[in-house]
Amino acid sequence: MSTIYIRTLKRAEHTVFCVAEGQKIYYDPQFNRRIPYSSGQQVKRSLIDSLSKALNEVPSPTTFLFDVNNKNEMKEGEVYATCDPTYADQLFGGWMKAAKGGKDRTIKRRSPLSISAMRGLHPLLAGIDKENVSFDRSERPNNKVIIRNEKDEILNEEQIAKLLEGKDRSLSRKWIPDNARATGLFVQDIALDLRRLFCVLLNKLEPEITEDTENKLREAGWQETETVFGTSLVAPKDVRDRLIPALAHAIIHWSITSNQSRTFSLMETLAVSVSDNANKIAGSIRAKLKEEEDNKAEPIVEEELDGVESYVTLSAGGYVRTKKETTDALDKAEQSLIEKMLAFDYENQLN
């Protein structure tokens, strides 16, 4: 087994995944519904945040470059990742560094984690609702109100008072209509490539690291090995033993907490399935249309599917027909991932 597939079922309640007109959505043409989703990039960032917390480490720094022209105008330049696999978020998250002007070689590492968007389990089991909200600070006497005219001149209090004559208008309250909120059952998939997980490719034609980084890794005990991708450096066993439990924890326990200051949801995990078969993992957590009712779907978690390990939490009992829910379901799922990652022979992949 060289790839582990993980499917996660979560429930979200009146919350926000991403801010784009209130909430990112896509259109399902078969059921004529707009479905909220969280992008794979946001899920990846949430997972990396969870990883850093589990390791109690600060993520790798990022370099931001800016250019200034002869008019003293500053423009956005490149953004560089650290490109150093000794940082866990870089090793698992991947990187790309393309220098301006093409003078230096582009270095890039494909992440061993392929991460899908978190989307509705079924178009009939997830959706959006809208609410009107307000930003109200009218009870505070120390607010500062600035009104500018067409010449960008600031009006004085007498001019503001004259402007408001005959108008029922608050200057300390903003009305924000039609805020989209996500609710329903959502599914998300991860493919974990064990062959790449702790290996950095030594390919001079398509480099993943610089020569300086290569020398640094060799001095730190990274050993040269052969993989299906070519000659690589593999992380020492003590590094793997330290990172694997944290990565397993992050994969099972990640959560989206951004953009939710007023709309927080626990986004509790209802079920997790683990397999080395992509087709079976797709059927392990799914939905099925009800025959006796139109436009109704039922969530299904296959508790006994050959080749798939299913872990069902207590919360799932309120939304899915199940007899397998346990208090330690997520702990068992985490331990299963740890055992699978520890069992892989990273040094002798071709044997």
Protein backbone atom coordinates (compact mmCIF):
# COMPACT_ATOMS: atom_id res chain seq x y z
CA MET A 1 0.00 0.00 0.00
CA SER A 2 1.56 3.29 -1.12
CA THR A 3 -1.47 5.59 -0.95
CA ILE A 4 -3.89 6.09 1.93
CA TYR A 5 -7.30 7.59 1.18
CA ILE A 6 -9.22 9.35 3.94
CA ARG A 7 -12.82 10.51 3.60
CA THR A 8 -14.28 12.74 6.32
CA LEU A 9 -17.95 13.56 6.92
CA LYS A 10 -18.64 16.78 8.80
CA ARG A 11 -21.74 18.70 9.78
CA ALA A 12 -21.81 22.47 9.56
CA GLU A 13 -24.52 24.63 11.09
CA HIS A 14 -25.26 28.21 10.00
CA THR A 15 -21.65 29.15 9.41
CA VAL A 16 -19.23 30.61 6.86
CA PHE A 17 -16.42 28.72 5.13
CA CYS A 18 -15.00 31.44 2.90
CA VAL A 19 -15.74 35.10 2.36
CA ALA A 20 -16.77 35.67 -1.25
CA GLU A 21 -20.05 37.51 -1.37
CA GLY A 22 -20.53 36.05 2.10
CA GLN A 23 -19.91 32.43 1.15
CA LYS A 24 -18.39 30.55 -1.80
CA ILE A 25 -20.94 28.44 -3.66
CA TYR A 26 -21.16 26.27 -6.76
CA TYR A 27 -24.17 25.37 -8.85
CA ASP A 28 -25.43 21.80 -9.15
CA PRO A 29 -27.24 21.50 -12.52
CA GLN A 30 -28.95 18.17 -11.80
CA PHE A 31 -30.74 19.33 -8.67
CA ASN A 32 -30.79 23.03 -9.52
CA ARG A 33 -29.30 24.07 -6.22
CA ARG A 34 -26.45 26.30 -5.09
CA ILE A 35 -24.14 24.46 -2.71
CA PRO A 36 -21.62 26.05 -0.32
CA TYR A 37 -18.10 24.71 -0.22
CA SER A 38 -14.68 25.22 1.32
CA SER A 39 -11.81 25.18 -1.15
CA GLY A 40 -9.07 22.57 -0.97
CA GLN A 41 -6.61 25.40 -0.31
CA GLN A 42 -8.54 26.47 2.78
CA VAL A 43 -8.79 22.88 4.01
CA LYS A 44 -5.03 22.49 3.45
CA ARG A 45 -4.29 25.63 5.43
CA SER A 46 -6.56 24.44 8.25
CA LEU A 47 -4.77 21.09 8.27
CA ILE A 48 -1.33 22.72 8.33
CA ASP A 49 -2.46 24.97 11.20
CA SER A 50 -3.59 21.89 13.12
CA LEU A 51 -0.23 20.22 12.37
CA SER A 52 1.74 23.19 13.69
CA LYS A 53 -0.35 23.25 16.86
CA ALA A 54 0.18 19.52 17.41
CA LEU A 55 3.95 20.00 17.04
CA ASN A 56 3.89 23.25 19.02
CA GLU A 57 5.97 24.81 16.24
CA VAL A 58 5.84 28.11 14.39
CA PRO A 59 5.23 27.47 10.66
CA SER A 60 7.97 28.31 8.19
CA PRO A 61 8.48 31.99 7.32
CA THR A 62 7.42 33.44 3.98
CA THR A 63 9.40 36.04 2.03
CA PHE A 64 7.46 38.88 0.36
CA LEU A 65 9.26 40.88 -2.32
CA PHE A 66 8.29 44.36 -3.54
CA ASP A 67 9.66 46.48 -6.40
CA VAL A 68 10.02 50.26 -6.35
CA ASN A 69 10.22 52.16 -9.64
CA ASN A 70 11.89 55.50 -10.39
CA LYS A 71 8.69 57.30 -9.34
CA ASN A 72 9.03 55.78 -5.87
CA GLU A 73 5.93 53.65 -6.48
CA MET A 74 5.91 50.27 -4.77
CA LYS A 75 4.52 47.26 -6.63
CA GLU A 76 3.86 43.70 -5.57
CA GLY A 77 6.66 41.27 -6.35
CA GLU A 78 7.21 37.58 -5.81
CA VAL A 79 6.28 35.57 -2.73
CA TYR A 80 8.78 32.88 -1.73
CA ALA A 81 8.26 29.88 0.49
CA THR A 82 11.17 28.66 2.60
CA CYS A 83 11.57 25.54 0.43
CA ASP A 84 13.12 23.73 3.38
CA PRO A 85 11.77 20.26 4.29
CA THR A 86 13.09 20.53 7.84
CA TYR A 87 9.93 22.58 8.42
CA ALA A 88 6.99 20.17 8.75
CA ASP A 89 4.56 22.50 6.98
CA GLN A 90 6.94 22.66 4.00
CA LEU A 91 7.66 18.92 3.93
CA PHE A 92 3.95 18.05 3.87
CA GLY A 93 2.61 21.17 2.15
CA GLY A 94 5.06 21.45 -0.73
CA TRP A 95 6.49 24.62 -2.27
CA MET A 96 7.41 26.50 -5.41
CA LYS A 97 9.99 29.25 -5.90
CA ALA A 98 10.31 30.91 -9.29
CA ALA A 99 12.81 33.77 -9.33
CA LYS A 100 12.10 36.93 -11.32
CA GLY A 101 13.87 37.14 -14.67
CA GLY A 102 14.58 33.43 -14.87
CA LYS A 103 18.16 33.79 -13.64
CA ASP A 104 17.83 31.11 -10.95
CA ARG A 105 16.40 27.63 -11.36
CA THR A 106 12.77 27.19 -10.35
CA ILE A 107 12.47 24.73 -7.48
CA LYS A 108 9.19 23.06 -6.60
CA ARG A 109 7.95 20.17 -4.51
CA ARG A 110 4.61 18.55 -5.03
CA SER A 111 2.81 18.01 -1.75
CA PRO A 112 2.35 14.34 -0.78
CA LEU A 113 -1.16 15.34 0.36
CA SER A 114 -3.79 15.66 -2.36
CA ILE A 115 -6.64 17.58 -0.75
CA SER A 116 -10.15 18.02 -2.13
CA ALA A 117 -12.60 20.80 -1.44
CA MET A 118 -15.10 20.21 1.35
CA ARG A 119 -18.43 20.09 -0.47
CA GLY A 120 -21.95 18.90 0.16
CA LEU A 121 -22.34 15.16 0.66
CA HIS A 122 -25.34 15.49 -1.66
CA PRO A 123 -27.02 18.57 -3.19
CA LEU A 124 -30.14 17.78 -1.14
CA LEU A 125 -28.19 17.47 2.11
CA ALA A 126 -26.39 20.83 2.11
CA GLY A 127 -27.39 24.34 1.26
CA ILE A 128 -27.27 28.01 2.12
CA ASP A 129 -29.58 30.37 3.95
CA LYS A 130 -29.36 34.13 4.12
CA GLU A 131 -29.65 36.58 6.96
CA ASN A 132 -29.49 40.33 7.37
CA VAL A 133 -26.97 41.57 9.91
CA SER A 134 -25.93 44.95 11.22
CA PHE A 135 -22.72 46.53 12.45
CA ASP A 136 -24.12 48.68 15.26
CA ARG A 137 -22.04 51.02 17.44
CA SER A 138 -24.75 53.63 17.98
CA GLU A 139 -24.62 53.25 21.78
CA ARG A 140 -21.05 54.58 21.94
CA PRO A 141 -20.71 58.35 22.47
CA ASN A 142 -17.05 58.48 21.36
CA ASN A 143 -17.50 57.37 17.74
CA LYS A 144 -15.72 59.42 15.11
CA VAL A 145 -17.69 60.20 11.94
CA ILE A 146 -15.95 61.56 8.85
CA ILE A 147 -17.91 62.71 5.80
CA ARG A 148 -16.08 63.88 2.68
CA ASN A 149 -17.43 65.87 -0.26
CA GLU A 150 -16.62 65.39 -3.95
CA LYS A 151 -13.36 67.32 -3.47
CA ASP A 152 -12.30 64.94 -0.69
CA GLU A 153 -12.77 67.73 1.86
CA ILE A 154 -13.96 66.74 5.34
CA LEU A 155 -17.26 68.34 6.40
CA ASN A 156 -17.52 70.04 9.79
CA GLU A 157 -20.27 69.32 12.33
CA GLU A 158 -22.46 72.19 11.11
CA GLN A 159 -22.27 70.95 7.52
CA ILE A 160 -23.03 67.38 8.62
CA ALA A 161 -26.07 68.54 10.61
CA LYS A 162 -27.38 70.42 7.59
CA LEU A 163 -26.79 67.39 5.39
CA LEU A 164 -28.85 65.16 7.70
CA GLU A 165 -31.85 67.50 7.90
CA GLY A 166 -34.99 65.61 6.93
CA LYS A 167 -33.15 62.26 6.88
CA ASP A 168 -33.67 59.41 9.33
CA ARG A 169 -30.13 58.12 9.07
CA SER A 170 -27.75 56.71 11.68
CA LEU A 171 -24.06 57.31 11.11
CA SER A 172 -22.96 54.67 13.63
CA ARG A 173 -24.89 51.74 12.24
CA LYS A 174 -24.36 49.78 9.01
CA TRP A 175 -26.92 47.42 7.53
CA ILE A 176 -25.45 44.34 5.82
CA PRO A 177 -28.13 42.43 3.86
CA ASP A 178 -28.17 38.94 2.35
CA ASN A 179 -25.32 37.25 4.22
CA ALA A 180 -25.04 33.65 3.05
CA ARG A 181 -24.57 30.92 5.66
CA ALA A 182 -23.74 27.24 5.09
CA THR A 183 -25.65 24.38 6.72
CA GLY A 184 -25.70 20.64 6.12
CA LEU A 185 -23.54 17.55 5.72
CA PHE A 186 -20.20 17.95 3.98
CA VAL A 187 -17.61 15.49 2.78
CA GLN A 188 -13.89 15.94 2.16
CA ASP A 189 -11.19 13.62 0.75
CA ILE A 190 -7.43 13.34 1.21
CA ALA A 191 -5.01 11.09 -0.70
CA LEU A 192 -1.76 10.55 1.21
CA ASP A 193 1.15 9.42 -1.02
CA LEU A 194 3.51 7.54 1.29
CA ARG A 195 6.19 7.36 -1.42
CA ARG A 196 6.60 11.14 -1.34
CA LEU A 197 5.73 11.75 2.29
CA PHE A 198 9.26 11.85 3.75
CA CYS A 199 11.29 11.84 0.53
CA VAL A 200 12.76 14.84 -1.30
CA LEU A 201 13.71 14.21 -4.92
CA LEU A 202 17.30 14.80 -6.08
CA ASN A 203 16.62 15.68 -9.70
CA LYS A 204 19.01 18.20 -11.21
CA LEU A 205 16.71 18.80 -14.20
CA GLU A 206 13.58 19.43 -12.09
CA PRO A 207 15.05 20.34 -8.69
CA GLU A 208 13.05 20.24 -5.49
CA ILE A 209 15.79 21.76 -3.34
CA THR A 210 18.94 23.82 -3.74
CA GLU A 211 22.43 22.39 -3.30
CA ASP A 212 22.77 24.25 0.00
CA THR A 213 19.56 22.65 1.30
CA GLU A 214 20.73 19.23 0.07
CA ASN A 215 23.98 19.56 2.01
CA LYS A 216 22.06 20.71 5.08
CA LEU A 217 19.78 17.65 4.92
CA ARG A 218 22.69 15.22 4.48
CA GLU A 219 24.40 16.72 7.53
CA ALA A 220 21.14 16.29 9.47
CA GLY A 221 21.09 12.56 8.72
CA TRP A 222 18.85 12.36 5.63
CA GLN A 223 19.86 9.28 3.64
CA GLU A 224 19.96 8.76 -0.12
CA THR A 225 17.54 6.16 -1.45
CA GLU A 226 15.91 5.09 -4.71
CA THR A 227 12.18 5.58 -5.31
CA VAL A 228 9.90 5.24 -8.32
CA PHE A 229 10.42 8.98 -8.82
CA GLY A 230 14.23 8.74 -8.82
CA THR A 231 17.05 9.24 -6.37
CA SER A 232 15.80 10.93 -3.21
CA LEU A 233 16.75 11.92 0.31
CA VAL A 234 14.62 10.31 3.01
CA ALA A 235 14.08 11.81 6.45
CA PRO A 236 15.69 9.95 9.40
CA LYS A 237 13.55 7.60 11.45
CA ASP A 238 13.56 9.84 14.51
CA VAL A 239 12.15 12.68 12.39
CA ARG A 240 9.46 10.41 10.98
CA ASP A 241 8.53 9.09 14.41
CA ARG A 242 8.09 12.66 15.66
CA LEU A 243 6.07 13.96 12.70
CA ILE A 244 3.78 11.01 11.96
CA PRO A 245 1.58 11.29 15.10
CA ALA A 246 1.20 15.03 14.53
CA LEU A 247 0.25 14.54 10.88
CA ALA A 248 -2.29 11.85 11.77
CA HIS A 249 -3.79 14.17 14.39
CA ALA A 250 -4.01 17.02 11.86
CA ILE A 251 -5.71 14.85 9.21
CA ILE A 252 -8.36 13.65 11.66
CA HIS A 253 -8.90 16.78 13.76
CA TRP A 254 -8.51 19.75 11.37
CA SER A 255 -11.28 22.32 11.49
CA ILE A 256 -12.09 25.57 9.76
CA THR A 257 -12.15 28.46 12.19
CA SER A 258 -11.45 31.41 9.90
CA ASN A 259 -14.19 33.87 8.90
CA GLN A 260 -16.47 32.71 11.73
CA SER A 261 -16.30 35.45 14.36
CA ARG A 262 -20.09 35.81 14.33
CA THR A 263 -21.04 32.47 12.81
CA PHE A 264 -18.99 29.86 14.64
CA SER A 265 -19.87 26.20 14.13
CA LEU A 266 -18.14 23.24 15.73
CA MET A 267 -18.19 21.51 12.33
CA GLU A 268 -18.11 18.25 14.21
CA THR A 269 -16.84 15.14 12.46
CA LEU A 270 -19.54 12.50 12.06
CA ALA A 271 -17.49 9.76 10.40
CA VAL A 272 -14.08 8.97 8.94
CA SER A 273 -13.22 6.17 6.55
CA VAL A 274 -9.73 4.97 5.64
CA SER A 275 -8.73 2.74 2.74
CA ASP A 276 -6.10 2.08 0.08
CA ASN A 277 -8.82 1.85 -2.58
CA ALA A 278 -10.13 5.11 -4.05
CA ASN A 279 -13.30 3.54 -5.45
CA LYS A 280 -14.23 1.91 -2.17
CA ILE A 281 -13.56 5.05 -0.17
CA ALA A 282 -16.04 6.89 -2.40
CA GLY A 283 -18.76 4.38 -1.51
CA SER A 284 -17.97 4.23 2.18
CA ILE A 285 -19.59 7.59 2.96
CA ARG A 286 -22.26 8.56 0.46
CA ALA A 287 -25.89 9.53 0.00
CA LYS A 288 -28.79 7.73 -1.66
CA LEU A 289 -32.03 9.12 -3.07
CA LYS A 290 -35.13 7.92 -1.27
CA GLU A 291 -37.48 5.91 -3.44
CA GLU A 292 -40.66 6.79 -1.57
CA GLU A 293 -40.05 10.57 -1.42
CA ASP A 294 -39.16 13.01 -4.17
CA ASN A 295 -36.19 15.33 -3.67
CA LYS A 296 -35.08 13.54 -0.53
CA ALA A 297 -31.69 11.94 0.08
CA GLU A 298 -30.35 9.91 2.97
CA PRO A 299 -26.73 9.90 4.19
CA ILE A 300 -25.12 6.46 4.41
CA VAL A 301 -21.99 5.29 6.21
CA GLU A 302 -20.97 1.74 5.30
CA GLU A 303 -19.94 0.26 8.62
CA GLU A 304 -18.78 -3.10 7.25
CA LEU A 305 -17.22 -2.61 3.81
CA ASP A 306 -14.39 -4.92 2.82
CA GLY A 307 -11.13 -3.01 2.46
CA VAL A 308 -12.40 0.08 4.29
CA GLU A 309 -12.07 1.04 7.95
CA SER A 310 -15.01 3.13 9.14
CA TYR A 311 -15.05 5.19 12.32
CA VAL A 312 -18.35 6.74 13.43
CA THR A 313 -18.68 9.29 16.22
CA LEU A 314 -21.52 9.71 18.70
CA SER A 315 -22.71 12.86 16.91
CA ALA A 316 -23.42 10.85 13.77
CA GLY A 317 -26.38 9.10 15.37
CA GLY A 318 -28.51 12.20 14.96
CA TYR A 319 -28.03 12.40 11.19
CA VAL A 320 -27.03 8.95 9.90
CA ARG A 321 -28.55 5.50 10.48
CA THR A 322 -25.75 3.76 12.33
CA LYS A 323 -25.10 1.17 15.01
CA LYS A 324 -21.34 1.57 15.16
CA GLU A 325 -20.88 4.97 16.80
CA THR A 326 -18.30 5.01 19.61
CA THR A 327 -16.83 7.57 21.98
CA ASP A 328 -13.27 6.95 20.77
CA ALA A 329 -13.92 6.71 17.02
CA LEU A 330 -11.60 9.57 16.06
CA ASP A 331 -8.85 8.33 18.39
CA LYS A 332 -9.00 4.94 16.68
CA ALA A 333 -8.93 6.55 13.22
CA GLU A 334 -5.89 8.58 14.25
CA GLN A 335 -4.12 5.49 15.58
CA SER A 336 -4.88 3.59 12.37
CA LEU A 337 -3.20 6.31 10.30
CA ILE A 338 -0.18 6.32 12.61
CA GLU A 339 0.27 2.57 12.26
CA LYS A 340 -0.06 2.68 8.46
CA MET A 341 2.46 5.50 8.10
CA LEU A 342 4.93 3.87 10.50
CA ALA A 343 4.67 0.52 8.69
CA PHE A 344 5.74 1.87 5.29
CA ASP A 345 9.38 1.15 4.32
CA TYR A 346 10.54 4.60 3.27
CA GLU A 347 14.22 3.61 2.82
CA ASN A 348 13.55 0.54 0.64
CA GLN A 349 10.60 1.49 -1.52
CA LEU A 350 11.68 -0.53 -4.56
CA ASN A 351 12.31 -3.79 -2.70
